[in-house]
Every structure is written in C-alpha cells, then in structure tokens.
Amino acid sequence: MDELIVGAGILFSLVIIWKLIRFKIVILDISEHIVSIKTRHPFSRSINFPQMEVPLHKIFSCHLKDELLTTFLIVNIHTKNNVRSFYYKLGILSGKSANDFKKVLEILKTYKKEQMGSEG
C-alpha cells in the first residue's frame, strides 16, 4: 500500500514538473500593419521570437474559444488558395486576461471593418 502511495506521489510530481516545463505565456502584439503572436516561458529571459507574424490585411478572423479546462486563440488567415487556421493554447484565463485578449481582438475587428469600408 505504501508503494502505491509513493508511486502516485512520484507520478503526480512528474506531471507537475512536465506542465511547468511546457508552460508558456502567449503575447499578442498589434503594430500599425502587422499582428505578431509570441510565446515565451515565464522563467526565461530570452528574446520573444514570434510564432506568427502576419500583415493585418491577411487576417480573416480571430477569436477565443473556451474548451473544458483551457482557452484557445484561433487566428484564421487568408492564404493563396484558402483560409488557414492557427490555434494557440492560452490555458485557463483569469477574467482580466480574457478581457485584455477580447479588447485586442475587438481592435482587430474594428480594423477589418475600416479596411472593408475603404475598399468599397
């Protein structure tokens, strides 16, 4: 019985360590003409290299999707032949973090509406 408890404790510890190693912070950055999504580990001081950089006009849509225990940022972009989707796992968002992401996504939607209005 003691061996089972020790084994479960070791397994639990390994899962926690694995989760900490794989943990990343997602940074959504919008400049005048480019959307950049960067990820970094919270304990790293290295440079945040972009996971994706795309011109604003190529973004078809961008939204948050809540799943069971995590939230995904879904970015759909226009490619040569169709629309391609990119998924970024954000984890469990606090109310403030979710609102911050929603504000940034609203800026993107406003930009898209302005672009469509100026084209027509």
Protein backbone atom coordinates (compact mmCIF):
# COMPACT_ATOMS: atom_id res chain seq x y z
CA MET A 1 0.00 0.00 0.00
CA ASP A 2 2.84 2.39 0.85
CA GLU A 3 4.46 1.67 -2.52
CA LEU A 4 1.24 2.64 -4.30
CA ILE A 5 1.10 5.98 -2.43
CA VAL A 6 4.78 6.70 -3.16
CA GLY A 7 4.28 5.76 -6.83
CA ALA A 8 1.24 8.02 -7.12
CA GLY A 9 3.20 10.86 -5.47
CA ILE A 10 6.11 10.44 -7.87
CA LEU A 11 3.75 10.32 -10.87
CA PHE A 12 1.94 13.43 -9.66
CA SER A 13 5.28 15.25 -9.18
CA LEU A 14 6.42 14.29 -12.68
CA VAL A 15 3.18 15.58 -14.20
CA ILE A 16 3.55 18.91 -12.36
CA ILE A 17 7.20 19.26 -13.48
CA TRP A 18 6.22 18.40 -17.07
CA LYS A 19 3.46 21.05 -17.00
CA LEU A 20 5.89 23.68 -15.63
CA ILE A 21 8.45 22.91 -18.33
CA ARG A 22 5.86 23.20 -21.11
CA PHE A 23 4.15 26.30 -19.67
CA LYS A 24 4.25 29.31 -21.99
CA ILE A 25 2.98 32.85 -21.99
CA VAL A 26 1.27 33.98 -25.21
CA ILE A 27 1.79 37.61 -26.22
CA LEU A 28 -0.46 39.15 -28.88
CA ASP A 29 1.10 42.28 -30.35
CA ILE A 30 -0.52 44.53 -32.94
CA SER A 31 1.53 47.18 -34.67
CA GLU A 32 0.33 49.50 -37.40
CA HIS A 33 0.32 46.83 -40.13
CA ILE A 34 1.37 43.53 -38.52
CA VAL A 35 -0.06 41.12 -35.97
CA SER A 36 2.58 39.19 -34.07
CA ILE A 37 2.00 36.26 -31.74
CA LYS A 38 4.91 35.45 -29.48
CA THR A 39 5.36 32.81 -26.81
CA ARG A 40 7.88 32.57 -24.02
CA HIS A 41 8.47 30.61 -20.87
CA PRO A 42 7.78 32.72 -17.74
CA PHE A 43 11.17 31.86 -16.19
CA SER A 44 13.16 32.63 -19.34
CA ARG A 45 14.75 35.99 -20.03
CA SER A 46 15.45 35.20 -23.66
CA ILE A 47 14.10 37.20 -26.58
CA ASN A 48 10.49 36.52 -27.53
CA PHE A 49 10.65 35.17 -31.06
CA PRO A 50 7.36 35.37 -32.95
CA GLN A 51 5.41 32.18 -33.55
CA MET A 52 3.48 34.02 -36.24
CA GLU A 53 3.78 37.41 -37.91
CA VAL A 54 1.18 38.29 -40.50
CA PRO A 55 0.03 41.53 -42.13
CA LEU A 56 -3.26 42.79 -40.71
CA HIS A 57 -5.00 42.67 -44.08
CA LYS A 58 -4.40 38.88 -44.33
CA ILE A 59 -6.31 38.13 -41.12
CA PHE A 60 -9.74 36.74 -41.93
CA SER A 61 -10.91 36.36 -38.32
CA CYS A 62 -9.56 35.97 -34.82
CA HIS A 63 -11.44 34.76 -31.74
CA LEU A 64 -11.23 32.97 -28.41
CA LYS A 65 -12.71 29.50 -27.95
CA ASP A 66 -13.34 28.11 -24.48
CA GLU A 67 -12.87 24.38 -24.05
CA LEU A 68 -13.20 22.26 -20.91
CA LEU A 69 -10.13 23.49 -18.98
CA THR A 70 -8.44 25.81 -21.44
CA THR A 71 -8.99 28.67 -23.84
CA PHE A 72 -7.67 28.75 -27.39
CA LEU A 73 -6.83 31.77 -29.52
CA ILE A 74 -7.85 30.92 -33.08
CA VAL A 75 -6.43 33.02 -35.90
CA ASN A 76 -7.72 32.48 -39.44
CA ILE A 77 -5.63 33.99 -42.23
CA HIS A 78 -6.03 34.23 -45.99
CA THR A 79 -3.51 32.15 -47.92
CA LYS A 80 -3.09 31.89 -51.68
CA ASN A 81 -5.84 29.30 -52.09
CA ASN A 82 -7.98 29.32 -48.95
CA VAL A 83 -8.23 30.27 -45.28
CA ARG A 84 -5.84 28.59 -42.82
CA SER A 85 -6.46 28.35 -39.06
CA PHE A 86 -3.83 28.60 -36.32
CA TYR A 87 -4.57 27.54 -32.74
CA TYR A 88 -2.71 28.87 -29.69
CA LYS A 89 -3.41 27.30 -26.31
CA LEU A 90 -3.83 30.05 -23.72
CA GLY A 91 -4.70 27.87 -20.73
CA ILE A 92 -7.13 28.97 -18.05
CA LEU A 93 -7.56 32.73 -18.34
CA SER A 94 -8.42 35.00 -15.45
CA GLY A 95 -11.26 37.46 -16.01
CA LYS A 96 -8.79 40.30 -16.58
CA SER A 97 -6.67 38.34 -19.06
CA ALA A 98 -9.74 37.25 -21.01
CA ASN A 99 -10.94 40.87 -21.15
CA ASP A 100 -7.49 42.04 -22.32
CA PHE A 101 -7.50 39.50 -25.15
CA LYS A 102 -11.07 40.44 -26.08
CA LYS A 103 -10.12 44.14 -26.26
CA VAL A 104 -7.23 43.36 -28.61
CA LEU A 105 -9.47 41.17 -30.76
CA GLU A 106 -12.04 43.96 -30.89
CA ILE A 107 -9.32 46.29 -32.22
CA LEU A 108 -8.66 43.74 -34.98
CA LYS A 109 -12.36 43.57 -35.85
CA THR A 110 -12.58 47.37 -35.98
CA TYR A 111 -9.55 47.49 -38.27
CA LYS A 112 -11.11 44.87 -40.58
CA LYS A 113 -14.37 46.86 -40.77
CA GLU A 114 -12.45 50.05 -41.60
CA GLN A 115 -10.46 48.23 -44.30
CA MET A 116 -13.61 46.78 -45.88
CA GLY A 117 -15.27 50.21 -45.80
CA SER A 118 -12.31 51.88 -47.52
CA GLU A 119 -12.16 49.19 -50.24
CA GLY A 120 -15.82 49.58 -51.24
